[in-house]
N, C-alpha and C. Protein backbone atom coordinates (compact mmCIF):
# COMPACT_ATOMS: atom_id res chain seq x y z
N UNK A 1 132.44 46.64 82.33
CA UNK A 1 132.27 45.23 82.12
C UNK A 1 132.48 44.51 83.46
N UNK A 2 131.56 43.58 83.79
CA UNK A 2 131.64 42.93 85.08
C UNK A 2 132.56 41.72 85.08
N UNK A 3 132.84 41.17 83.93
CA UNK A 3 133.65 39.96 83.89
C UNK A 3 134.84 40.18 82.96
N UNK A 4 135.96 39.68 83.38
CA UNK A 4 137.17 39.72 82.56
C UNK A 4 137.69 38.29 82.50
N UNK A 5 138.14 37.88 81.36
CA UNK A 5 138.65 36.51 81.23
C UNK A 5 140.12 36.43 81.63
N UNK A 6 140.45 35.42 82.41
CA UNK A 6 141.82 35.13 82.80
C UNK A 6 142.03 33.62 82.74
N UNK A 7 143.21 33.18 82.37
CA UNK A 7 143.57 31.77 82.43
C UNK A 7 144.66 31.59 83.48
N UNK A 8 144.58 30.50 84.21
CA UNK A 8 145.59 30.19 85.21
C UNK A 8 146.78 29.56 84.51
N UNK A 9 147.94 30.06 84.79
CA UNK A 9 149.15 29.50 84.21
C UNK A 9 149.45 28.17 84.89
N UNK A 10 149.83 27.16 84.12
CA UNK A 10 150.16 25.86 84.72
C UNK A 10 151.27 26.00 85.75
N UNK A 11 151.06 25.39 86.91
CA UNK A 11 152.06 25.38 87.96
C UNK A 11 152.13 26.65 88.77
N UNK A 12 151.36 27.66 88.43
CA UNK A 12 151.40 28.93 89.17
C UNK A 12 150.39 28.89 90.30
N UNK A 13 150.69 29.59 91.39
CA UNK A 13 149.76 29.70 92.51
C UNK A 13 148.59 30.60 92.13
N UNK A 14 147.58 30.63 92.97
CA UNK A 14 146.40 31.43 92.69
C UNK A 14 146.70 32.92 92.64
N UNK A 15 147.61 33.39 93.44
CA UNK A 15 147.89 34.82 93.52
C UNK A 15 148.53 35.40 92.27
N UNK A 16 149.42 34.67 91.63
CA UNK A 16 150.16 35.21 90.49
C UNK A 16 149.83 34.51 89.18
N UNK A 17 148.96 33.54 89.22
CA UNK A 17 148.79 32.69 88.07
C UNK A 17 147.68 33.04 87.11
N UNK A 18 147.18 34.26 87.08
CA UNK A 18 146.09 34.57 86.18
C UNK A 18 146.55 35.52 85.09
N UNK A 19 146.04 35.30 83.92
CA UNK A 19 146.35 36.15 82.78
C UNK A 19 145.07 36.37 81.99
N UNK A 20 145.05 37.30 81.05
CA UNK A 20 143.83 37.53 80.27
C UNK A 20 143.31 36.25 79.65
N UNK A 21 141.99 36.00 79.83
CA UNK A 21 141.37 34.82 79.25
C UNK A 21 140.38 34.08 80.14
N UNK A 22 140.56 34.03 81.49
CA UNK A 22 139.62 33.29 82.34
C UNK A 22 138.59 34.25 82.92
N UNK A 23 137.61 33.70 83.64
CA UNK A 23 136.52 34.51 84.17
C UNK A 23 136.83 34.99 85.58
N UNK A 24 136.74 36.28 85.79
CA UNK A 24 136.95 36.88 87.09
C UNK A 24 136.00 38.05 87.22
N UNK A 25 135.16 38.06 88.25
CA UNK A 25 134.21 39.14 88.44
C UNK A 25 134.91 40.39 88.93
N UNK A 26 134.56 41.51 88.35
CA UNK A 26 135.08 42.79 88.82
C UNK A 26 134.12 43.43 89.81
N UNK A 27 132.94 42.82 90.03
CA UNK A 27 131.99 43.31 91.02
C UNK A 27 132.56 43.00 92.40
N UNK A 28 132.56 43.99 93.31
CA UNK A 28 133.06 43.72 94.65
C UNK A 28 132.31 42.54 95.27
N UNK A 29 133.04 41.58 95.80
CA UNK A 29 132.43 40.38 96.35
C UNK A 29 132.29 40.51 97.86
N UNK A 30 131.08 40.44 98.31
CA UNK A 30 130.76 40.49 99.74
C UNK A 30 129.68 39.45 100.01
N UNK A 31 129.56 39.10 101.25
CA UNK A 31 128.51 38.18 101.64
C UNK A 31 127.39 38.90 102.35
N UNK A 32 126.34 38.17 102.64
CA UNK A 32 125.23 38.69 103.43
C UNK A 32 125.12 37.86 104.70
N UNK A 33 124.86 38.53 105.79
CA UNK A 33 124.77 37.85 107.08
C UNK A 33 123.56 36.92 107.14
N UNK A 34 123.73 35.83 107.86
CA UNK A 34 122.63 34.89 108.12
C UNK A 34 122.86 34.33 109.51
N UNK A 35 122.53 35.14 110.50
CA UNK A 35 122.74 34.75 111.90
C UNK A 35 121.83 33.57 112.25
N UNK A 36 122.18 32.80 113.28
CA UNK A 36 121.33 31.67 113.71
C UNK A 36 119.90 32.15 113.95
N UNK A 37 118.95 31.44 113.36
CA UNK A 37 117.54 31.77 113.53
C UNK A 37 116.99 32.71 112.48
N UNK A 38 117.88 33.39 111.73
CA UNK A 38 117.39 34.29 110.69
C UNK A 38 116.83 33.51 109.50
N UNK A 39 117.46 32.41 109.18
CA UNK A 39 117.03 31.56 108.06
C UNK A 39 116.83 32.37 106.78
N UNK A 40 117.80 33.19 106.44
CA UNK A 40 117.66 34.03 105.26
C UNK A 40 118.58 33.62 104.12
N UNK A 41 119.04 32.37 104.13
CA UNK A 41 119.93 31.93 103.06
C UNK A 41 119.25 31.97 101.71
N UNK A 42 117.94 31.70 101.63
CA UNK A 42 117.21 31.76 100.37
C UNK A 42 117.23 33.17 99.79
N UNK A 43 117.06 34.17 100.65
CA UNK A 43 117.10 35.57 100.24
C UNK A 43 118.52 35.94 99.82
N UNK A 44 119.48 35.57 100.61
CA UNK A 44 120.87 35.92 100.34
C UNK A 44 121.34 35.37 98.99
N UNK A 45 120.96 34.14 98.68
CA UNK A 45 121.41 33.56 97.41
C UNK A 45 120.80 34.30 96.23
N UNK A 46 119.53 34.67 96.32
CA UNK A 46 118.88 35.40 95.22
C UNK A 46 119.50 36.79 95.04
N UNK A 47 119.78 37.46 96.14
CA UNK A 47 120.39 38.79 96.07
C UNK A 47 121.79 38.69 95.46
N UNK A 48 122.54 37.67 95.84
CA UNK A 48 123.88 37.49 95.28
C UNK A 48 123.82 37.25 93.77
N UNK A 49 122.84 36.49 93.31
CA UNK A 49 122.69 36.26 91.87
C UNK A 49 122.42 37.58 91.16
N UNK A 50 121.48 38.37 91.69
CA UNK A 50 121.16 39.65 91.06
C UNK A 50 122.37 40.59 91.08
N UNK A 51 123.12 40.59 92.17
CA UNK A 51 124.29 41.45 92.28
C UNK A 51 125.34 41.08 91.24
N UNK A 52 125.54 39.80 91.00
CA UNK A 52 126.57 39.36 90.07
C UNK A 52 126.19 39.55 88.60
N UNK A 53 124.94 39.87 88.33
CA UNK A 53 124.51 40.15 86.95
C UNK A 53 124.73 41.63 86.67
N UNK A 54 125.84 41.92 86.04
CA UNK A 54 126.25 43.30 85.78
C UNK A 54 125.16 44.13 85.11
N UNK A 55 124.50 43.58 84.11
CA UNK A 55 123.48 44.33 83.37
C UNK A 55 122.30 44.67 84.28
N UNK A 56 121.94 43.77 85.19
CA UNK A 56 120.86 44.05 86.13
C UNK A 56 121.30 45.12 87.13
N UNK A 57 122.49 44.95 87.67
CA UNK A 57 123.01 45.88 88.67
C UNK A 57 123.08 47.30 88.11
N UNK A 58 123.62 47.45 86.90
CA UNK A 58 123.71 48.78 86.29
C UNK A 58 122.33 49.34 85.97
N UNK A 59 121.44 48.50 85.48
CA UNK A 59 120.09 48.96 85.14
C UNK A 59 119.33 49.42 86.38
N UNK A 60 119.47 48.70 87.48
CA UNK A 60 118.80 49.09 88.72
C UNK A 60 119.33 50.44 89.21
N UNK A 61 120.64 50.60 89.14
CA UNK A 61 121.27 51.85 89.59
C UNK A 61 120.82 53.04 88.74
N UNK A 62 120.59 52.83 87.45
CA UNK A 62 120.26 53.92 86.54
C UNK A 62 118.79 54.29 86.52
N UNK A 63 117.93 53.49 87.14
CA UNK A 63 116.50 53.81 87.13
C UNK A 63 116.24 55.11 87.89
N UNK A 64 115.49 56.03 87.30
CA UNK A 64 115.29 57.33 87.92
C UNK A 64 114.30 57.32 89.09
N UNK A 65 113.32 56.46 89.07
CA UNK A 65 112.33 56.48 90.15
C UNK A 65 111.51 55.21 90.18
N UNK A 66 110.66 55.14 91.19
CA UNK A 66 109.80 53.98 91.37
C UNK A 66 108.65 54.36 92.29
N UNK A 67 107.70 53.45 92.42
CA UNK A 67 106.60 53.63 93.36
C UNK A 67 107.07 53.10 94.70
N UNK A 68 107.31 54.00 95.63
CA UNK A 68 107.88 53.63 96.93
C UNK A 68 106.79 53.23 97.91
N UNK A 69 107.02 52.16 98.63
CA UNK A 69 106.07 51.67 99.63
C UNK A 69 106.61 51.81 101.05
N UNK A 70 107.51 52.74 101.25
CA UNK A 70 108.05 53.00 102.58
C UNK A 70 108.81 51.82 103.14
N UNK A 71 108.44 51.38 104.35
CA UNK A 71 109.12 50.26 105.00
C UNK A 71 108.96 48.94 104.25
N UNK A 72 107.92 48.84 103.42
CA UNK A 72 107.67 47.62 102.66
C UNK A 72 108.20 47.74 101.23
N UNK A 73 109.09 48.70 100.99
CA UNK A 73 109.59 48.93 99.62
C UNK A 73 110.76 48.00 99.31
N UNK A 74 110.49 46.99 98.55
CA UNK A 74 111.49 46.01 98.16
C UNK A 74 112.52 46.66 97.25
N UNK A 75 112.09 47.55 96.39
CA UNK A 75 112.98 48.26 95.48
C UNK A 75 114.03 49.05 96.27
N UNK A 76 113.58 49.85 97.24
CA UNK A 76 114.51 50.65 98.06
C UNK A 76 115.47 49.75 98.83
N UNK A 77 114.96 48.65 99.39
CA UNK A 77 115.79 47.74 100.18
C UNK A 77 116.86 47.09 99.31
N UNK A 78 116.50 46.68 98.10
CA UNK A 78 117.48 46.05 97.21
C UNK A 78 118.52 47.07 96.76
N UNK A 79 118.08 48.27 96.41
CA UNK A 79 119.03 49.32 96.02
C UNK A 79 119.97 49.65 97.17
N UNK A 80 119.46 49.63 98.39
CA UNK A 80 120.28 49.91 99.57
C UNK A 80 121.36 48.84 99.74
N UNK A 81 120.97 47.56 99.59
CA UNK A 81 121.95 46.47 99.70
C UNK A 81 123.00 46.60 98.62
N UNK A 82 122.59 46.91 97.40
CA UNK A 82 123.54 47.06 96.30
C UNK A 82 124.49 48.23 96.57
N UNK A 83 123.96 49.31 97.14
CA UNK A 83 124.81 50.44 97.51
C UNK A 83 125.83 50.05 98.56
N UNK A 84 125.40 49.25 99.55
CA UNK A 84 126.33 48.78 100.58
C UNK A 84 127.37 47.84 100.00
N UNK A 85 126.95 46.97 99.06
CA UNK A 85 127.92 46.09 98.39
C UNK A 85 129.00 46.94 97.73
N UNK A 86 128.61 48.02 97.12
CA UNK A 86 129.54 48.88 96.39
C UNK A 86 130.44 49.68 97.32
N UNK A 87 129.88 50.20 98.43
CA UNK A 87 130.60 51.17 99.26
C UNK A 87 131.21 50.62 100.54
N UNK A 88 130.58 49.63 101.15
CA UNK A 88 131.01 49.16 102.46
C UNK A 88 132.34 48.42 102.41
N UNK A 89 133.07 48.52 103.49
CA UNK A 89 134.32 47.78 103.62
C UNK A 89 134.12 46.47 104.39
N UNK A 90 132.91 46.27 104.89
CA UNK A 90 132.60 45.03 105.61
C UNK A 90 132.58 43.85 104.64
N UNK A 91 132.94 42.66 105.14
CA UNK A 91 132.93 41.47 104.29
C UNK A 91 131.55 40.82 104.22
N UNK A 92 130.74 41.05 105.24
CA UNK A 92 129.38 40.50 105.27
C UNK A 92 128.43 41.60 105.73
N UNK A 93 127.33 41.74 105.02
CA UNK A 93 126.38 42.83 105.26
C UNK A 93 125.02 42.27 105.66
N UNK A 94 124.26 43.04 106.42
CA UNK A 94 122.91 42.60 106.78
C UNK A 94 121.95 42.74 105.61
N UNK A 95 120.99 41.84 105.55
CA UNK A 95 119.94 41.92 104.53
C UNK A 95 118.59 42.19 105.19
N UNK A 96 118.63 42.72 106.41
CA UNK A 96 117.41 42.91 107.20
C UNK A 96 116.36 43.77 106.52
N UNK A 97 116.76 44.86 105.88
CA UNK A 97 115.78 45.76 105.27
C UNK A 97 114.99 45.04 104.18
N UNK A 98 115.68 44.26 103.37
CA UNK A 98 114.99 43.51 102.31
C UNK A 98 114.14 42.40 102.91
N UNK A 99 114.68 41.72 103.91
CA UNK A 99 113.91 40.64 104.55
C UNK A 99 112.63 41.20 105.18
N UNK A 100 112.73 42.35 105.84
CA UNK A 100 111.56 42.98 106.46
C UNK A 100 110.55 43.44 105.40
N UNK A 101 111.06 44.02 104.31
CA UNK A 101 110.17 44.48 103.24
C UNK A 101 109.42 43.31 102.61
N UNK A 102 110.11 42.21 102.38
CA UNK A 102 109.45 41.02 101.81
C UNK A 102 108.42 40.44 102.78
N UNK A 103 108.78 40.38 104.05
CA UNK A 103 107.85 39.84 105.06
C UNK A 103 106.58 40.70 105.12
N UNK A 104 106.75 42.01 105.07
CA UNK A 104 105.61 42.92 105.11
C UNK A 104 104.76 42.78 103.85
N UNK A 105 105.41 42.70 102.71
CA UNK A 105 104.69 42.60 101.43
C UNK A 105 103.89 41.31 101.34
N UNK A 106 104.42 40.22 101.87
CA UNK A 106 103.78 38.91 101.73
C UNK A 106 103.14 38.40 103.03
N UNK A 107 102.86 39.29 103.98
CA UNK A 107 102.32 38.83 105.27
C UNK A 107 100.93 38.21 105.12
N UNK A 108 100.11 38.71 104.22
CA UNK A 108 98.77 38.15 104.01
C UNK A 108 98.84 36.72 103.47
N UNK A 109 99.88 36.44 102.72
CA UNK A 109 100.07 35.12 102.12
C UNK A 109 100.90 34.20 103.01
N UNK A 110 101.39 34.73 104.14
CA UNK A 110 102.24 33.96 105.08
C UNK A 110 103.47 33.39 104.39
N UNK A 111 104.10 34.21 103.53
CA UNK A 111 105.30 33.79 102.82
C UNK A 111 106.43 34.74 103.15
N UNK A 112 107.65 34.25 103.10
CA UNK A 112 108.87 35.03 103.33
C UNK A 112 108.85 35.76 104.67
N UNK A 113 108.29 35.10 105.68
CA UNK A 113 108.17 35.70 107.00
C UNK A 113 109.47 35.58 107.78
N UNK A 114 109.69 36.54 108.67
CA UNK A 114 110.93 36.60 109.45
C UNK A 114 111.15 35.31 110.23
N UNK A 115 112.36 34.79 110.17
CA UNK A 115 112.74 33.61 110.93
C UNK A 115 112.37 32.29 110.28
N UNK A 116 111.63 32.32 109.19
CA UNK A 116 111.22 31.09 108.52
C UNK A 116 112.00 30.89 107.24
N UNK A 117 112.29 29.62 106.93
CA UNK A 117 112.98 29.30 105.68
C UNK A 117 111.99 29.40 104.53
N UNK A 118 112.53 29.63 103.35
CA UNK A 118 111.70 29.66 102.14
C UNK A 118 112.53 29.18 100.98
N UNK A 119 111.92 29.12 99.82
CA UNK A 119 112.56 28.61 98.63
C UNK A 119 113.24 29.73 97.85
N UNK A 120 114.51 29.54 97.52
CA UNK A 120 115.30 30.57 96.83
C UNK A 120 114.73 30.88 95.44
N UNK A 121 114.31 29.85 94.70
CA UNK A 121 113.77 30.08 93.35
C UNK A 121 112.46 30.87 93.42
N UNK A 122 111.60 30.54 94.38
CA UNK A 122 110.35 31.28 94.55
C UNK A 122 110.64 32.71 94.98
N UNK A 123 111.61 32.89 95.83
CA UNK A 123 111.98 34.24 96.26
C UNK A 123 112.49 35.04 95.07
N UNK A 124 113.36 34.44 94.27
CA UNK A 124 113.91 35.11 93.09
C UNK A 124 112.78 35.56 92.16
N UNK A 125 111.85 34.67 91.88
CA UNK A 125 110.71 35.00 91.02
C UNK A 125 109.87 36.13 91.61
N UNK A 126 109.63 36.07 92.91
CA UNK A 126 108.79 37.08 93.55
C UNK A 126 109.49 38.44 93.68
N UNK A 127 110.78 38.45 93.90
CA UNK A 127 111.47 39.74 93.99
C UNK A 127 111.48 40.42 92.63
N UNK A 128 111.65 39.64 91.55
CA UNK A 128 111.58 40.22 90.21
C UNK A 128 110.18 40.76 89.91
N UNK A 129 109.18 40.03 90.33
CA UNK A 129 107.80 40.48 90.14
C UNK A 129 107.53 41.77 90.92
N UNK A 130 108.01 41.84 92.14
CA UNK A 130 107.81 43.05 92.96
C UNK A 130 108.57 44.24 92.38
N UNK A 131 109.77 44.02 91.84
CA UNK A 131 110.50 45.10 91.20
C UNK A 131 109.69 45.63 90.03
N UNK A 132 109.10 44.72 89.27
CA UNK A 132 108.22 45.13 88.16
C UNK A 132 107.12 46.07 88.66
N UNK A 133 106.45 45.68 89.74
CA UNK A 133 105.35 46.50 90.26
C UNK A 133 105.82 47.84 90.82
N UNK A 134 107.05 47.91 91.29
CA UNK A 134 107.59 49.19 91.77
C UNK A 134 107.89 50.13 90.61
N UNK A 135 108.16 49.57 89.44
CA UNK A 135 108.55 50.38 88.28
C UNK A 135 107.37 50.64 87.35
N UNK A 136 106.58 49.61 87.08
CA UNK A 136 105.46 49.71 86.15
C UNK A 136 104.19 49.30 86.90
N UNK A 137 103.37 50.27 87.29
CA UNK A 137 102.20 49.95 88.11
C UNK A 137 101.03 49.38 87.31
N UNK A 138 101.29 48.46 86.40
CA UNK A 138 100.21 47.86 85.63
C UNK A 138 100.02 46.43 86.06
N UNK A 139 98.82 45.93 85.85
CA UNK A 139 98.53 44.54 86.21
C UNK A 139 98.93 43.58 85.10
N UNK A 140 99.33 44.08 83.96
CA UNK A 140 99.68 43.23 82.83
C UNK A 140 101.14 42.84 82.85
N UNK A 141 101.51 42.02 83.81
CA UNK A 141 102.92 41.65 83.95
C UNK A 141 103.37 40.67 82.88
N UNK A 142 102.46 39.90 82.31
CA UNK A 142 102.83 38.92 81.30
C UNK A 142 103.17 39.58 79.97
N UNK A 143 102.60 40.76 79.71
CA UNK A 143 102.82 41.42 78.42
C UNK A 143 103.51 42.76 78.59
N UNK A 144 104.28 42.92 79.62
CA UNK A 144 104.95 44.19 79.88
C UNK A 144 105.95 44.51 78.78
N UNK A 145 105.82 45.70 78.22
CA UNK A 145 106.74 46.15 77.18
C UNK A 145 107.43 47.45 77.58
N UNK A 146 107.31 47.84 78.82
CA UNK A 146 107.93 49.07 79.30
C UNK A 146 109.45 48.98 79.17
N UNK A 147 110.06 49.98 78.58
CA UNK A 147 111.52 50.01 78.43
C UNK A 147 112.23 50.19 79.76
N UNK A 148 111.53 50.70 80.78
CA UNK A 148 112.16 50.90 82.09
C UNK A 148 112.01 49.70 83.01
N UNK A 149 111.24 48.70 82.62
CA UNK A 149 111.03 47.52 83.48
C UNK A 149 112.19 46.55 83.31
N UNK A 150 113.14 46.63 84.24
CA UNK A 150 114.33 45.78 84.13
C UNK A 150 114.00 44.30 84.32
N UNK A 151 112.93 44.01 85.04
CA UNK A 151 112.51 42.62 85.20
C UNK A 151 112.21 42.01 83.84
N UNK A 152 111.41 42.68 83.05
CA UNK A 152 111.04 42.13 81.76
C UNK A 152 112.09 42.37 80.68
N UNK A 153 112.79 43.46 80.76
CA UNK A 153 113.83 43.74 79.75
C UNK A 153 115.02 42.79 79.89
N UNK A 154 115.30 42.32 81.10
CA UNK A 154 116.48 41.48 81.31
C UNK A 154 116.17 39.99 81.49
N UNK A 155 114.93 39.64 81.91
CA UNK A 155 114.65 38.25 82.24
C UNK A 155 113.50 37.61 81.46
N UNK A 156 112.66 38.40 80.80
CA UNK A 156 111.45 37.85 80.19
C UNK A 156 111.70 37.32 78.78
N UNK A 157 110.85 36.41 78.39
CA UNK A 157 110.82 35.94 77.02
C UNK A 157 109.39 35.51 76.72
N UNK A 158 109.04 35.52 75.46
CA UNK A 158 107.71 35.10 75.04
C UNK A 158 107.85 33.82 74.24
N UNK A 159 107.10 32.80 74.63
CA UNK A 159 107.12 31.52 73.94
C UNK A 159 105.79 31.32 73.21
N UNK A 160 105.87 30.83 72.00
CA UNK A 160 104.68 30.50 71.23
C UNK A 160 104.76 29.02 70.86
N UNK A 161 103.62 28.36 70.89
CA UNK A 161 103.55 26.97 70.48
C UNK A 161 102.63 26.90 69.28
N UNK A 162 103.08 26.23 68.24
CA UNK A 162 102.29 26.13 67.02
C UNK A 162 102.58 24.78 66.37
N UNK A 163 101.54 24.13 65.89
CA UNK A 163 101.69 22.85 65.21
C UNK A 163 101.66 23.09 63.70
N UNK A 164 102.52 22.38 62.98
CA UNK A 164 102.58 22.47 61.52
C UNK A 164 102.42 21.06 60.96
N UNK A 165 101.47 20.90 60.06
CA UNK A 165 101.22 19.61 59.44
C UNK A 165 102.35 19.31 58.45
N UNK A 166 102.98 18.15 58.60
CA UNK A 166 104.09 17.80 57.72
C UNK A 166 103.62 17.43 56.31
N UNK A 167 102.33 17.09 56.15
CA UNK A 167 101.81 16.72 54.82
C UNK A 167 101.40 17.95 54.01
N UNK A 168 100.58 18.82 54.57
CA UNK A 168 100.03 19.93 53.80
C UNK A 168 100.58 21.29 54.19
N UNK A 169 101.28 21.37 55.35
CA UNK A 169 101.85 22.63 55.79
C UNK A 169 100.88 23.52 56.56
N UNK A 170 99.69 23.05 56.82
CA UNK A 170 98.72 23.84 57.59
C UNK A 170 99.25 24.05 59.00
N UNK A 171 98.92 25.20 59.56
CA UNK A 171 99.40 25.52 60.90
C UNK A 171 98.25 25.81 61.85
N UNK A 172 98.47 25.51 63.09
CA UNK A 172 97.49 25.85 64.13
C UNK A 172 97.70 27.30 64.54
N UNK A 173 96.74 27.83 65.24
CA UNK A 173 96.91 29.17 65.80
C UNK A 173 97.97 29.10 66.89
N UNK A 174 98.81 30.12 66.99
CA UNK A 174 99.83 30.11 68.06
C UNK A 174 99.18 30.11 69.44
N UNK A 175 99.71 29.35 70.34
CA UNK A 175 99.21 29.31 71.72
C UNK A 175 100.04 30.22 72.57
């Protein structure tokens, strides 16, 4: 379990004042480097979100294989960062491998390029999409039902819109 509840005792300092009941992550907490000019804060924030989601972290670790793209393999780069989060004693780790893989993957679109800022939400969406493609090589990402696709198993939902007449109860076709 990644989270344990603790409550702070009134008047107690932070070091001794926690007891069962409040939220405390058991995932090792580390940062990612963002040297001047790297402009990788958008990437770092998305990676930190994925790392703190215990179910995602465990699911990624347990996946047996993927379609590897070598230096442009986002899956390998993310797994490597997660491995470093788990094993390294450093307080801040480089995210260069993932940044390089994203830049290579999106170079035709001129997105997520080295040294340039980008949007964290767009990065988050695109990294999940790329993980899907590394695991399930199908073009049907909207209807993915693969049990091994952690992107869709952990983050997807299907929405239907349907109108119902309040007088007669007739319904429209689901959209």
